[in-house]
Amino acid sequence: MSSGSQLNKQDGDGLEAAVDQAIAACGGDLRSTIRALVVANEFLETEVGELMKAVSHAYVRGRFHAYSG
């Protein structure tokens, strides 16, 4: 068994628990659960985009220094 499949097996239990928790939070309605997850994903994608812009802006202004090893 590869280490990748072992990692997936270990994470699978936590993932299943998270899925059950999301479904329970939406009262068992799968369509509402999917809708909530899509909305949350869009929010996080927007947040990542804003953070990338902020880091780029800080880098250009010299407030962020690249790792030089």
PDB file of N, CA and C in Angstrom:
ATOM      1  N   MET A   1       0.849  -1.183   0.000  1.00  0.00           N
ATOM      2  CA  MET A   1       0.000   0.000   0.000  1.00  0.00           C
ATOM      3  C   MET A   1       0.892   1.243   0.000  1.00  0.00           C
ATOM      4  N   SER A   2       0.631   2.189  -0.895  1.00  0.00           N
ATOM      5  CA  SER A   2       1.460   3.384  -0.968  1.00  0.00           C
ATOM      6  C   SER A   2       1.111   4.353   0.151  1.00  0.00           C
ATOM      7  N   SER A   3       2.040   5.254   0.424  1.00  0.00           N
ATOM      8  CA  SER A   3       1.784   6.224   1.494  1.00  0.00           C
ATOM      9  C   SER A   3       0.627   7.148   1.127  1.00  0.00           C
ATOM     10  N   GLY A   4       0.409   7.368  -0.181  1.00  0.00           N
ATOM     11  CA  GLY A   4      -0.702   8.208  -0.611  1.00  0.00           C
ATOM     12  C   GLY A   4      -2.039   7.602  -0.267  1.00  0.00           C
ATOM     13  N   SER A   5      -2.183   6.286  -0.482  1.00  0.00           N
ATOM     14  CA  SER A   5      -3.459   5.667  -0.147  1.00  0.00           C
ATOM     15  C   SER A   5      -3.636   5.535   1.355  1.00  0.00           C
ATOM     16  N   GLN A   6      -2.553   5.408   2.099  1.00  0.00           N
ATOM     17  CA  GLN A   6      -2.660   5.393   3.561  1.00  0.00           C
ATOM     18  C   GLN A   6      -3.125   6.749   4.055  1.00  0.00           C
ATOM     19  N   LEU A   7      -2.601   7.813   3.471  1.00  0.00           N
ATOM     20  CA  LEU A   7      -3.008   9.159   3.847  1.00  0.00           C
ATOM     21  C   LEU A   7      -4.493   9.354   3.555  1.00  0.00           C
ATOM     22  N   ASN A   8      -4.932   8.905   2.390  1.00  0.00           N
ATOM     23  CA  ASN A   8      -6.342   9.041   2.039  1.00  0.00           C
ATOM     24  C   ASN A   8      -7.225   8.265   2.999  1.00  0.00           C
ATOM     25  N   LYS A   9      -6.816   7.086   3.417  1.00  0.00           N
ATOM     26  CA  LYS A   9      -7.587   6.281   4.364  1.00  0.00           C
ATOM     27  C   LYS A   9      -7.727   7.013   5.692  1.00  0.00           C
ATOM     28  N   GLN A  10      -6.623   7.587   6.169  1.00  0.00           N
ATOM     29  CA  GLN A  10      -6.659   8.308   7.441  1.00  0.00           C
ATOM     30  C   GLN A  10      -7.532   9.547   7.329  1.00  0.00           C
ATOM     31  N   ASP A  11      -7.407  10.281   6.239  1.00  0.00           N
ATOM     32  CA  ASP A  11      -8.197  11.495   6.049  1.00  0.00           C
ATOM     33  C   ASP A  11      -9.655  11.176   5.766  1.00  0.00           C
ATOM     34  N   GLY A  12      -9.922   9.990   5.221  1.00  0.00           N
ATOM     35  CA  GLY A  12     -11.284   9.607   4.868  1.00  0.00           C
ATOM     36  C   GLY A  12     -12.217   9.620   6.055  1.00  0.00           C
ATOM     37  N   ASP A  13     -11.746   9.166   7.204  1.00  0.00           N
ATOM     38  CA  ASP A  13     -12.602   9.157   8.394  1.00  0.00           C
ATOM     39  C   ASP A  13     -12.994  10.569   8.796  1.00  0.00           C
ATOM     40  N   GLY A  14     -12.041  11.487   8.784  1.00  0.00           N
ATOM     41  CA  GLY A  14     -12.330  12.879   9.113  1.00  0.00           C
ATOM     42  C   GLY A  14     -13.216  13.523   8.065  1.00  0.00           C
ATOM     43  N   LEU A  15     -12.993  13.143   6.822  1.00  0.00           N
ATOM     44  CA  LEU A  15     -13.806  13.685   5.733  1.00  0.00           C
ATOM     45  C   LEU A  15     -15.248  13.216   5.859  1.00  0.00           C
ATOM     46  N   GLU A  16     -15.429  11.944   6.151  1.00  0.00           N
ATOM     47  CA  GLU A  16     -16.786  11.417   6.319  1.00  0.00           C
ATOM     48  C   GLU A  16     -17.499  12.105   7.474  1.00  0.00           C
ATOM     49  N   ALA A  17     -16.778  12.357   8.554  1.00  0.00           N
ATOM     50  CA  ALA A  17     -17.371  13.047   9.701  1.00  0.00           C
ATOM     51  C   ALA A  17     -17.765  14.477   9.309  1.00  0.00           C
ATOM     52  N   ALA A  18     -16.913  15.140   8.515  1.00  0.00           N
ATOM     53  CA  ALA A  18     -17.214  16.502   8.079  1.00  0.00           C
ATOM     54  C   ALA A  18     -18.429  16.522   7.157  1.00  0.00           C
ATOM     55  N   VAL A  19     -18.532  15.524   6.289  1.00  0.00           N
ATOM     56  CA  VAL A  19     -19.690  15.422   5.396  1.00  0.00           C
ATOM     57  C   VAL A  19     -20.971  15.240   6.217  1.00  0.00           C
ATOM     58  N   ASP A  20     -20.916  14.328   7.165  1.00  0.00           N
ATOM     59  CA  ASP A  20     -22.085  14.093   8.025  1.00  0.00           C
ATOM     60  C   ASP A  20     -22.474  15.354   8.785  1.00  0.00           C
ATOM     61  N   GLN A  21     -21.474  16.083   9.254  1.00  0.00           N
ATOM     62  CA  GLN A  21     -21.736  17.308  10.010  1.00  0.00           C
ATOM     63  C   GLN A  21     -22.370  18.377   9.119  1.00  0.00           C
ATOM     64  N   ALA A  22     -21.877  18.510   7.875  1.00  0.00           N
ATOM     65  CA  ALA A  22     -22.444  19.492   6.950  1.00  0.00           C
ATOM     66  C   ALA A  22     -23.891  19.165   6.622  1.00  0.00           C
ATOM     67  N   ILE A  23     -24.155  17.884   6.389  1.00  0.00           N
ATOM     68  CA  ILE A  23     -25.531  17.464   6.079  1.00  0.00           C
ATOM     69  C   ILE A  23     -26.440  17.718   7.277  1.00  0.00           C
ATOM     70  N   ALA A  24     -25.969  17.396   8.467  1.00  0.00           N
ATOM     71  CA  ALA A  24     -26.765  17.611   9.675  1.00  0.00           C
ATOM     72  C   ALA A  24     -27.043  19.095   9.893  1.00  0.00           C
ATOM     73  N   ALA A  25     -26.060  19.945   9.589  1.00  0.00           N
ATOM     74  CA  ALA A  25     -26.232  21.389   9.766  1.00  0.00           C
ATOM     75  C   ALA A  25     -27.312  21.940   8.842  1.00  0.00           C
ATOM     76  N   CYS A  26     -27.551  21.239   7.734  1.00  0.00           N
ATOM     77  CA  CYS A  26     -28.581  21.672   6.783  1.00  0.00           C
ATOM     78  C   CYS A  26     -29.862  20.857   6.939  1.00  0.00           C
ATOM     79  N   GLY A  27     -30.023  20.240   8.090  1.00  0.00           N
ATOM     80  CA  GLY A  27     -31.251  19.511   8.383  1.00  0.00           C
ATOM     81  C   GLY A  27     -31.453  18.267   7.531  1.00  0.00           C
ATOM     82  N   GLY A  28     -30.374  17.711   7.004  1.00  0.00           N
ATOM     83  CA  GLY A  28     -30.480  16.497   6.207  1.00  0.00           C
ATOM     84  C   GLY A  28     -30.816  16.738   4.739  1.00  0.00           C
ATOM     85  N   ASP A  29     -31.005  17.990   4.353  1.00  0.00           N
ATOM     86  CA  ASP A  29     -31.351  18.328   2.966  1.00  0.00           C
ATOM     87  C   ASP A  29     -30.066  18.419   2.145  1.00  0.00           C
ATOM     88  N   LEU A  30     -29.865  17.454   1.248  1.00  0.00           N
ATOM     89  CA  LEU A  30     -28.622  17.400   0.470  1.00  0.00           C
ATOM     90  C   LEU A  30     -28.479  18.592  -0.470  1.00  0.00           C
ATOM     91  N   ARG A  31     -29.583  19.031  -1.052  1.00  0.00           N
ATOM     92  CA  ARG A  31     -29.522  20.175  -1.966  1.00  0.00           C
ATOM     93  C   ARG A  31     -29.083  21.446  -1.215  1.00  0.00           C
ATOM     94  N   SER A  32     -29.604  21.650  -0.027  1.00  0.00           N
ATOM     95  CA  SER A  32     -29.195  22.800   0.797  1.00  0.00           C
ATOM     96  C   SER A  32     -27.738  22.681   1.212  1.00  0.00           C
ATOM     97  N   THR A  33     -27.303  21.465   1.486  1.00  0.00           N
ATOM     98  CA  THR A  33     -25.903  21.250   1.860  1.00  0.00           C
ATOM     99  C   THR A  33     -24.983  21.630   0.716  1.00  0.00           C
ATOM    100  N   ILE A  34     -25.304  21.174  -0.486  1.00  0.00           N
ATOM    101  CA  ILE A  34     -24.479  21.500  -1.654  1.00  0.00           C
ATOM    102  C   ILE A  34     -24.480  23.002  -1.899  1.00  0.00           C
ATOM    103  N   ARG A  35     -25.650  23.623  -1.795  1.00  0.00           N
ATOM    104  CA  ARG A  35     -25.756  25.075  -1.991  1.00  0.00           C
ATOM    105  C   ARG A  35     -24.855  25.815  -0.996  1.00  0.00           C
ATOM    106  N   ALA A  36     -24.899  25.410   0.275  1.00  0.00           N
ATOM    107  CA  ALA A  36     -24.082  26.059   1.305  1.00  0.00           C
ATOM    108  C   ALA A  36     -22.596  25.875   1.021  1.00  0.00           C
ATOM    109  N   LEU A  37     -22.217  24.686   0.561  1.00  0.00           N
ATOM    110  CA  LEU A  37     -20.804  24.440   0.268  1.00  0.00           C
ATOM    111  C   LEU A  37     -20.326  25.241  -0.947  1.00  0.00           C
ATOM    112  N   VAL A  38     -21.183  25.391  -1.951  1.00  0.00           N
ATOM    113  CA  VAL A  38     -20.830  26.201  -3.124  1.00  0.00           C
ATOM    114  C   VAL A  38     -20.653  27.661  -2.716  1.00  0.00           C
ATOM    115  N   VAL A  39     -21.571  28.167  -1.906  1.00  0.00           N
ATOM    116  CA  VAL A  39     -21.466  29.558  -1.429  1.00  0.00           C
ATOM    117  C   VAL A  39     -20.183  29.755  -0.620  1.00  0.00           C
ATOM    118  N   ALA A  40     -19.899  28.811   0.271  1.00  0.00           N
ATOM    119  CA  ALA A  40     -18.680  28.902   1.085  1.00  0.00           C
ATOM    120  C   ALA A  40     -17.441  28.856   0.205  1.00  0.00           C
ATOM    121  N   ASN A  41     -17.446  28.005  -0.817  1.00  0.00           N
ATOM    122  CA  ASN A  41     -16.304  27.898  -1.714  1.00  0.00           C
ATOM    123  C   ASN A  41     -16.091  29.202  -2.490  1.00  0.00           C
ATOM    124  N   GLU A  42     -17.169  29.796  -2.972  1.00  0.00           N
ATOM    125  CA  GLU A  42     -17.065  31.074  -3.693  1.00  0.00           C
ATOM    126  C   GLU A  42     -16.506  32.159  -2.780  1.00  0.00           C
ATOM    127  N   PHE A  43     -16.950  32.182  -1.529  1.00  0.00           N
ATOM    128  CA  PHE A  43     -16.432  33.147  -0.567  1.00  0.00           C
ATOM    129  C   PHE A  43     -14.928  32.959  -0.382  1.00  0.00           C
ATOM    130  N   LEU A  44     -14.504  31.713  -0.208  1.00  0.00           N
ATOM    131  CA  LEU A  44     -13.079  31.450   0.000  1.00  0.00           C
ATOM    132  C   LEU A  44     -12.248  31.782  -1.232  1.00  0.00           C
ATOM    133  N   GLU A  45     -12.785  31.521  -2.426  1.00  0.00           N
ATOM    134  CA  GLU A  45     -12.069  31.873  -3.652  1.00  0.00           C
ATOM    135  C   GLU A  45     -11.893  33.387  -3.757  1.00  0.00           C
ATOM    136  N   THR A  46     -12.921  34.136  -3.393  1.00  0.00           N
ATOM    137  CA  THR A  46     -12.835  35.601  -3.399  1.00  0.00           C
ATOM    138  C   THR A  46     -11.789  36.069  -2.394  1.00  0.00           C
ATOM    139  N   GLU A  47     -11.803  35.455  -1.217  1.00  0.00           N
ATOM    140  CA  GLU A  47     -10.849  35.817  -0.170  1.00  0.00           C
ATOM    141  C   GLU A  47      -9.411  35.540  -0.614  1.00  0.00           C
ATOM    142  N   VAL A  48      -9.177  34.412  -1.252  1.00  0.00           N
ATOM    143  CA  VAL A  48      -7.841  34.072  -1.748  1.00  0.00           C
ATOM    144  C   VAL A  48      -7.392  35.100  -2.779  1.00  0.00           C
ATOM    145  N   GLY A  49      -8.290  35.481  -3.677  1.00  0.00           N
ATOM    146  CA  GLY A  49      -7.954  36.491  -4.683  1.00  0.00           C
ATOM    147  C   GLY A  49      -7.569  37.822  -4.057  1.00  0.00           C
ATOM    148  N   GLU A  50      -8.313  38.236  -3.045  1.00  0.00           N
ATOM    149  CA  GLU A  50      -8.003  39.498  -2.365  1.00  0.00           C
ATOM    150  C   GLU A  50      -6.669  39.410  -1.634  1.00  0.00           C
ATOM    151  N   LEU A  51      -6.398  38.283  -1.009  1.00  0.00           N
ATOM    152  CA  LEU A  51      -5.118  38.115  -0.307  1.00  0.00           C
ATOM    153  C   LEU A  51      -3.955  38.097  -1.279  1.00  0.00           C
ATOM    154  N   MET A  52      -4.148  37.479  -2.440  1.00  0.00           N
ATOM    155  CA  MET A  52      -3.077  37.455  -3.443  1.00  0.00           C
ATOM    156  C   MET A  52      -2.771  38.863  -3.936  1.00  0.00           C
ATOM    157  N   LYS A  53      -3.816  39.658  -4.130  1.00  0.00           N
ATOM    158  CA  LYS A  53      -3.609  41.048  -4.542  1.00  0.00           C
ATOM    159  C   LYS A  53      -2.865  41.817  -3.461  1.00  0.00           C
ATOM    160  N   ALA A  54      -3.231  41.614  -2.200  1.00  0.00           N
ATOM    161  CA  ALA A  54      -2.595  42.330  -1.091  1.00  0.00           C
ATOM    162  C   ALA A  54      -1.119  41.950  -0.982  1.00  0.00           C
ATOM    163  N   VAL A  55      -0.825  40.674  -1.129  1.00  0.00           N
ATOM    164  CA  VAL A  55       0.568  40.233  -1.052  1.00  0.00           C
ATOM    165  C   VAL A  55       1.348  40.803  -2.226  1.00  0.00           C
ATOM    166  N   SER A  56       0.771  40.784  -3.430  1.00  0.00           N
ATOM    167  CA  SER A  56       1.450  41.331  -4.598  1.00  0.00           C
ATOM    168  C   SER A  56       1.719  42.816  -4.410  1.00  0.00           C
ATOM    169  N   HIS A  57       0.720  43.525  -3.879  1.00  0.00           N
ATOM    170  CA  HIS A  57       0.870  44.966  -3.651  1.00  0.00           C
ATOM    171  C   HIS A  57       1.969  45.226  -2.618  1.00  0.00           C
ATOM    172  N   ALA A  58       1.996  44.461  -1.549  1.00  0.00           N
ATOM    173  CA  ALA A  58       3.019  44.635  -0.522  1.00  0.00           C
ATOM    174  C   ALA A  58       4.399  44.304  -1.077  1.00  0.00           C
ATOM    175  N   TYR A  59       4.495  43.294  -1.920  1.00  0.00           N
ATOM    176  CA  TYR A  59       5.769  42.903  -2.506  1.00  0.00           C
ATOM    177  C   TYR A  59       6.307  44.031  -3.383  1.00  0.00           C
ATOM    178  N   VAL A  60       5.443  44.631  -4.196  1.00  0.00           N
ATOM    179  CA  VAL A  60       5.854  45.719  -5.082  1.00  0.00           C
ATOM    180  C   VAL A  60       6.328  46.920  -4.274  1.00  0.00           C
ATOM    181  N   ARG A  61       5.696  47.182  -3.139  1.00  0.00           N
ATOM    182  CA  ARG A  61       6.057  48.330  -2.313  1.00  0.00           C
ATOM    183  C   ARG A  61       7.232  48.040  -1.388  1.00  0.00           C
ATOM    184  N   GLY A  62       7.776  46.838  -1.455  1.00  0.00           N
ATOM    185  CA  GLY A  62       8.943  46.510  -0.656  1.00  0.00           C
ATOM    186  C   GLY A  62       8.639  46.113   0.775  1.00  0.00           C
ATOM    187  N   ARG A  63       7.394  45.823   1.083  1.00  0.00           N
ATOM    188  CA  ARG A  63       7.026  45.422   2.445  1.00  0.00           C
ATOM    189  C   ARG A  63       7.125  43.920   2.662  1.00  0.00           C
ATOM    190  N   PHE A  64       7.285  43.211   1.583  1.00  0.00           N
ATOM    191  CA  PHE A  64       7.363  41.756   1.660  1.00  0.00           C
ATOM    192  C   PHE A  64       8.640  41.347   0.933  1.00  0.00           C
ATOM    193  N   HIS A  65       9.497  40.605   1.628  1.00  0.00           N
ATOM    194  CA  HIS A  65      10.767  40.216   1.035  1.00  0.00           C
ATOM    195  C   HIS A  65      10.738  38.736   0.690  1.00  0.00           C
ATOM    196  N   ALA A  66      11.139  38.427  -0.525  1.00  0.00           N
ATOM    197  CA  ALA A  66      11.162  37.044  -0.972  1.00  0.00           C
ATOM    198  C   ALA A  66      12.241  36.281  -0.231  1.00  0.00           C
ATOM    199  N   TYR A  67      12.011  35.025  -0.022  1.00  0.00           N
ATOM    200  CA  TYR A  67      12.981  34.147   0.626  1.00  0.00           C
ATOM    201  C   TYR A  67      14.154  33.961  -0.315  1.00  0.00           C
ATOM    202  N   SER A  68      15.359  34.193   0.170  1.00  0.00           N
ATOM    203  CA  SER A  68      16.536  34.090  -0.691  1.00  0.00           C
ATOM    204  C   SER A  68      17.386  32.878  -0.362  1.00  0.00           C
ATOM    205  N   GLY A  69      16.870  31.978   0.463  1.00  0.00           N
ATOM    206  CA  GLY A  69      17.507  30.703   0.746  1.00  0.00           C
ATOM    207  C   GLY A  69      18.736  30.832   1.493  1.00  0.00           C
TER     208      GLY A  69
END
